[in-house]
Amino acid sequence: MVSVLGFGGAPIGEHVPPKMREEAEGIVRYAFDQGVNYFDTARSYGNSEESIGAALQPVRDSCVIATKVEDRTKRGAWVQLKQSLRKLRTDMVNVIQVHSLTDINDLKKITGSEGALEALKEARSQGIVEYIGVTGHHTHVLVEAIRTGEFDVVQAPINVVTRRALEELVPLAKTLDVGFVVMKPFGGQPFFQGSEEFRVLLGGERYKVAKRGLDFILRQEVSTIIPGFESVPEVEAAVEAVQGFNPATPIEQFEFWGDEEGRYCRESGTLYTCEMCKPCPEFLNIPAVLRFDRFYGYGIRDWAKKQYGRLSTRVDDCTQCGECEKRCPYGLPIVKLLKHADERLSPSKSSTPKVIGA
């Protein structure tokens, strides 16, 4: 059985210098000793595969190792898989994933003739891998990917400000019996180290951040959660948070949805949007404006206003032509949403939050 708390291996490869490999291996082994048995890595994560492979070699049969291939061709995927096997010091990986699926054309390429999927299926038939997965940030593309029936596992971001996957991808994965791995449970950085406002939003202290962040995800129907760890205290906090989780306890309330009621730009809580509303005749970056406004609503206000102020074209330049609304697949009142965003984000306007439709 896979542990509900997994180990995201990017930080120990990207943030821990090679000369500190022993320390990185110690973090991995500590996590295993605390009951974590799912370890996610990739060739593109610096020395992550090497550290995870060395740390887990003595206990290889008691853990699940997942890695990734980036190349979209059959030949390239085979080469990368063999490289990963050497780095991980193993003759088999439990889960091999196609890394960061971007769009439908990307999906067609990996599933087509001489595509990466052919290599991964051959590897599975030879006992080199057990399961085949796919990762990405564009949930609508991942939905189409698992509908092919070719993938056993899907990995996508879910956290308190990025919930798009909960609308269709998570329910579909359950229906199709596809394992769901949650990446970026704290927004893409270990315990939101990159933003003071993110830490404040989730409680400030390391344990509170872990508890509030994981508490939300543990209530969803997912297989495992892989925070990116780069220290033993971070692992300790996450383990304590998971062990103390009680589904019967009411979840703490945040102003995450506020007055949106479905009227929000899908995936605007991430760097990835459908962008069907573009191009704007006035060169306004509509998805960016709506993304900044959504973060403002989450309480990350200084950052959101600063990012909005950096845009070369702002809402004041909108002519309300309505072309964006005609293209929006969700039928959003974009012009109205943009005006609302400008009222909150523009330094020259009132800083008092307003309710749409009020």
Foldseek 3Di string as FASTA:
>chain_A
DADQAAAEQQCQFAVPDPVCLVQSLVLLLLLVVLPHAEYEEEPVSHLRLLSQLVSCVVPVVRHAYEYEFAAFFCVRLLVRLVVSCVSSVHQAHAEYEHEAQDDQVSLCSQPDVRTNLVNVVVCCVVRRYPFYEYEHAPLVNVLVNVVVVSGQEYEYEDWLQAHLCVPPVQVVCVVSNHAYEHECLLPHDLLPPPDQQSLVLQPNDLLSSLQLSVLVVVVGPHDHYHYHDDHNVNSVSNSVNVVPHDPVDDRDDFQQCPQCPVQAQHRLCDPDGPCQLDDDPLRDPLSLLRSLLNVVSRVRQVVSLVVQVPDPDALVSDPPPCSSQVRDPSNHPSNQSRVLSCQCRPPVHDVDRDHRPD
